[in-house]
Protein backbone atom coordinates (compact mmCIF):
# COMPACT_ATOMS: atom_id res chain seq x y z
CA SER A 1 0.00 0.00 0.00
CA LEU A 2 1.22 3.46 -0.82
CA SER A 3 -0.64 6.74 -1.11
CA VAL A 4 0.02 10.47 -0.86
CA ASP A 5 -1.13 10.20 2.76
CA ASP A 6 2.01 8.12 3.44
CA VAL A 7 4.36 10.98 2.64
CA ARG A 8 5.21 14.35 4.08
CA LEU A 9 6.75 17.07 1.94
CA THR A 10 8.10 19.95 3.98
CA ASN A 11 9.52 23.25 2.77
CA MET A 12 12.38 23.61 5.23
CA THR A 13 13.01 27.21 4.16
CA THR A 14 9.55 28.30 5.33
CA SER A 15 8.86 25.43 7.78
CA THR A 16 5.59 24.62 6.03
CA THR A 17 4.15 21.27 5.00
CA ILE A 18 2.83 20.88 1.46
CA PRO A 19 -0.75 19.54 1.68
CA ALA A 20 -1.21 15.95 0.45
CA ALA A 21 -3.86 17.25 -1.97
CA GLN A 22 -1.07 19.01 -3.90
CA LEU A 23 0.85 15.74 -4.38
CA LYS A 24 0.30 13.21 -7.12
CA LEU A 25 1.33 9.54 -7.00
CA ASP A 26 2.06 7.41 -10.07
CA TYR A 27 3.11 3.79 -9.68
CA ASN A 28 4.83 1.67 -12.33
CA ALA A 29 4.33 -1.99 -11.41
CA ASP A 30 6.86 -3.19 -14.01
CA SER A 31 9.73 -1.29 -12.40
CA ALA A 32 8.19 -1.17 -8.88
CA THR A 33 8.72 2.58 -8.90
CA ALA A 34 6.54 5.13 -7.17
CA THR A 35 6.77 8.67 -8.50
CA PHE A 36 5.46 11.52 -6.40
CA SER A 37 4.92 14.86 -8.11
CA ALA A 38 4.29 18.30 -6.71
CA LEU A 39 4.04 20.98 -9.36
CA ASN A 40 4.96 24.62 -8.95
CA LEU A 41 6.79 24.34 -5.65
CA PRO A 42 8.18 27.66 -4.45
CA ASP A 43 11.96 28.05 -4.35
CA GLY A 44 13.35 26.50 -1.19
CA ASN A 45 14.94 23.53 0.55
CA TYR A 46 12.66 20.52 1.00
CA THR A 47 12.50 17.23 2.86
CA PHE A 48 10.44 14.42 1.36
CA LYS A 49 9.60 11.76 3.95
CA LEU A 50 7.97 8.35 3.54
CA ILE A 51 6.02 7.46 6.69
CA GLY A 52 6.93 3.79 7.14
CA ALA A 53 4.01 2.83 9.38
CA GLY A 54 1.49 3.54 6.61
CA ILE A 55 3.31 1.60 3.88
CA THR A 56 2.95 -2.16 3.63
CA ASN A 57 4.13 -4.82 1.22
CA SER A 58 1.87 -7.38 -0.45
CA ALA A 59 2.02 -9.54 2.70
CA GLY A 60 0.78 -6.62 4.82
CA THR A 61 4.12 -6.07 6.57
CA PRO A 62 4.72 -2.37 7.31
CA MET A 63 7.94 -0.67 6.25
CA ALA A 64 10.41 -0.89 9.14
CA ASN A 65 11.46 2.77 9.24
CA ASP A 66 10.60 6.16 7.89
CA SER A 67 12.81 7.28 5.04
CA ALA A 68 13.66 10.81 3.96
CA ILE A 69 15.50 12.63 1.24
CA ASP A 70 16.37 16.30 0.94
CA PHE A 71 16.21 18.31 -2.28
CA PHE A 72 15.81 21.90 -3.37
CA VAL A 73 13.93 23.95 -5.92
CA LEU A 74 15.40 27.05 -7.54
CA LYS A 75 13.59 28.07 -10.69
CA GLY A 76 16.00 28.73 -13.55
CA ASP A 77 18.88 26.71 -12.04
CA ALA A 78 19.57 24.27 -14.91
CA ASN A 79 22.91 23.00 -13.63
CA HIS A 80 21.66 22.54 -10.04
CA ASP A 81 24.42 24.60 -8.42
CA ARG A 82 22.01 26.57 -6.20
CA SER A 83 22.36 29.77 -8.21
CA VAL A 84 20.90 31.18 -11.42
CA GLY A 85 23.54 32.62 -13.69
CA PHE A 86 25.20 32.57 -17.08
CA ALA A 87 25.49 28.76 -17.31
CA ASP A 88 21.72 28.47 -16.83
CA LEU A 89 21.11 31.08 -19.53
CA VAL A 90 23.40 29.09 -21.85
CA ALA A 91 21.29 25.94 -21.27
CA VAL A 92 18.22 27.84 -22.48
CA ALA A 93 20.07 29.42 -25.41
CA GLN A 94 21.52 26.11 -26.64
CA ASN A 95 18.12 24.41 -26.59
CA TYR A 96 15.85 27.33 -27.51
CA GLY A 97 12.97 26.24 -29.75
CA GLN A 98 13.65 22.54 -29.23
CA SER A 99 11.17 20.05 -27.81
CA GLY A 100 11.74 16.90 -25.80
CA LYS A 101 13.93 18.75 -23.30
CA ALA A 102 13.96 18.60 -19.51
CA TRP A 103 15.00 20.90 -16.66
CA PRO A 104 18.80 20.57 -17.20
CA GLN A 105 18.34 21.62 -20.84
CA GLY A 106 16.36 24.74 -19.87
CA ASP A 107 12.73 23.56 -19.83
CA PHE A 108 11.79 25.25 -16.56
CA THR A 109 8.05 25.32 -17.31
CA GLY A 110 7.78 21.55 -17.76
CA ASP A 111 6.01 21.78 -21.11
CA GLY A 112 8.69 19.80 -22.98
CA THR A 113 9.84 22.75 -25.10
CA VAL A 114 12.50 25.35 -24.35
CA GLY A 115 11.08 28.74 -25.26
CA PHE A 116 10.40 32.30 -24.25
CA ALA A 117 8.67 31.37 -20.97
CA ASP A 118 11.80 29.47 -19.89
CA LEU A 119 13.97 32.46 -20.77
CA VAL A 120 11.69 34.61 -18.61
CA VAL A 121 12.22 32.22 -15.67
CA VAL A 122 15.99 32.68 -15.95
CA ALA A 123 15.66 36.46 -16.34
CA GLN A 124 13.39 36.77 -13.29
CA ASN A 125 15.76 34.73 -11.13
CA TYR A 126 19.14 35.79 -12.56
CA GLY A 127 21.60 36.31 -9.73
CA LYS A 128 19.43 34.51 -7.19
CA THR A 129 21.03 31.92 -4.93
CA LEU A 130 19.63 29.41 -2.47
CA THR A 131 21.62 28.64 0.66
CA ALA A 132 21.98 24.96 1.52
CA PRO A 133 20.52 23.90 4.87
CA ALA A 134 22.65 22.38 7.59
CA ALA A 135 23.21 18.69 6.87
CA ALA A 136 21.06 16.22 8.78
CA PRO A 137 21.32 12.42 8.76
CA LEU A 138 18.66 10.54 6.81
CA ALA A 139 16.66 7.56 7.95
CA SER A 140 17.32 4.11 6.51
CA ALA A 141 16.13 3.48 2.96
CA PRO A 142 12.88 1.68 2.15
CA ALA A 143 12.77 -1.37 -0.09
CA LEU A 144 11.30 0.51 -3.03
CA ALA A 145 12.38 3.14 -5.48
CA LEU A 146 10.78 6.52 -5.14
CA ALA A 147 10.84 9.83 -6.85
CA VAL A 148 10.31 13.37 -5.75
CA SER A 149 9.33 16.13 -8.03
CA ALA A 150 10.01 19.75 -8.15
CA GLY A 151 7.92 20.39 -11.16
CA LEU A 152 9.07 17.32 -13.07
CA PRO A 153 9.42 13.74 -11.76
CA VAL A 154 12.93 12.78 -10.75
CA GLN A 155 13.52 9.09 -10.08
CA ILE A 156 15.73 8.42 -7.08
CA PRO A 157 16.67 4.76 -6.44
CA SER A 158 16.11 3.73 -2.83
CA LYS A 159 19.74 2.72 -2.34
CA SER A 160 20.79 6.33 -2.95
CA ILE A 161 18.76 7.38 0.11
CA ALA A 162 20.52 5.06 2.54
CA ALA A 163 22.40 6.88 5.25
CA SER A 164 23.11 6.12 8.84
CA ALA A 165 21.54 8.10 11.65
CA ASP A 166 24.42 6.98 13.87
CA PRO A 167 27.70 8.91 13.72
CA PRO A 168 30.75 6.97 12.54
CA ARG A 169 32.74 5.36 15.33
CA PRO A 170 36.54 5.24 15.33
CA ARG A 171 38.13 1.82 14.92
CA GLY A 172 40.40 0.89 17.68
């Protein structure tokens, strides 16, 4: 079982939770991949959390732990360096008028085509930066792949989420 009620999406920049009604869940049984989408998120740092107690496998066994992943949204940031600048403008310029493009190629509106609206996004955010939050340990990974969206689905394999909540101990 998996539904939008089993997740919590929090804007850590504003300390607000995105309502479940604004989230969409798509599930691909062939690849056992759940994709959560939330369109038009404001710029900010986010934590996406799976609530383990509400998620069960086909035998009815609940997921052992919660699992979380952090990400950020900065409109116009094609190269994902937390700032909007010349490199992001170049991504739009190199792909202008082309279809079948994604965020890294300058499609910031999610319509599949790089055009004037995408150029406007870069212009409106040019020079803007987003400060990274302080690092926090993540919970253990669930036994499923998941995706978080900041306008477009991004698939994130579950093994990439794995991190220890315990600090490393010196060997002696």
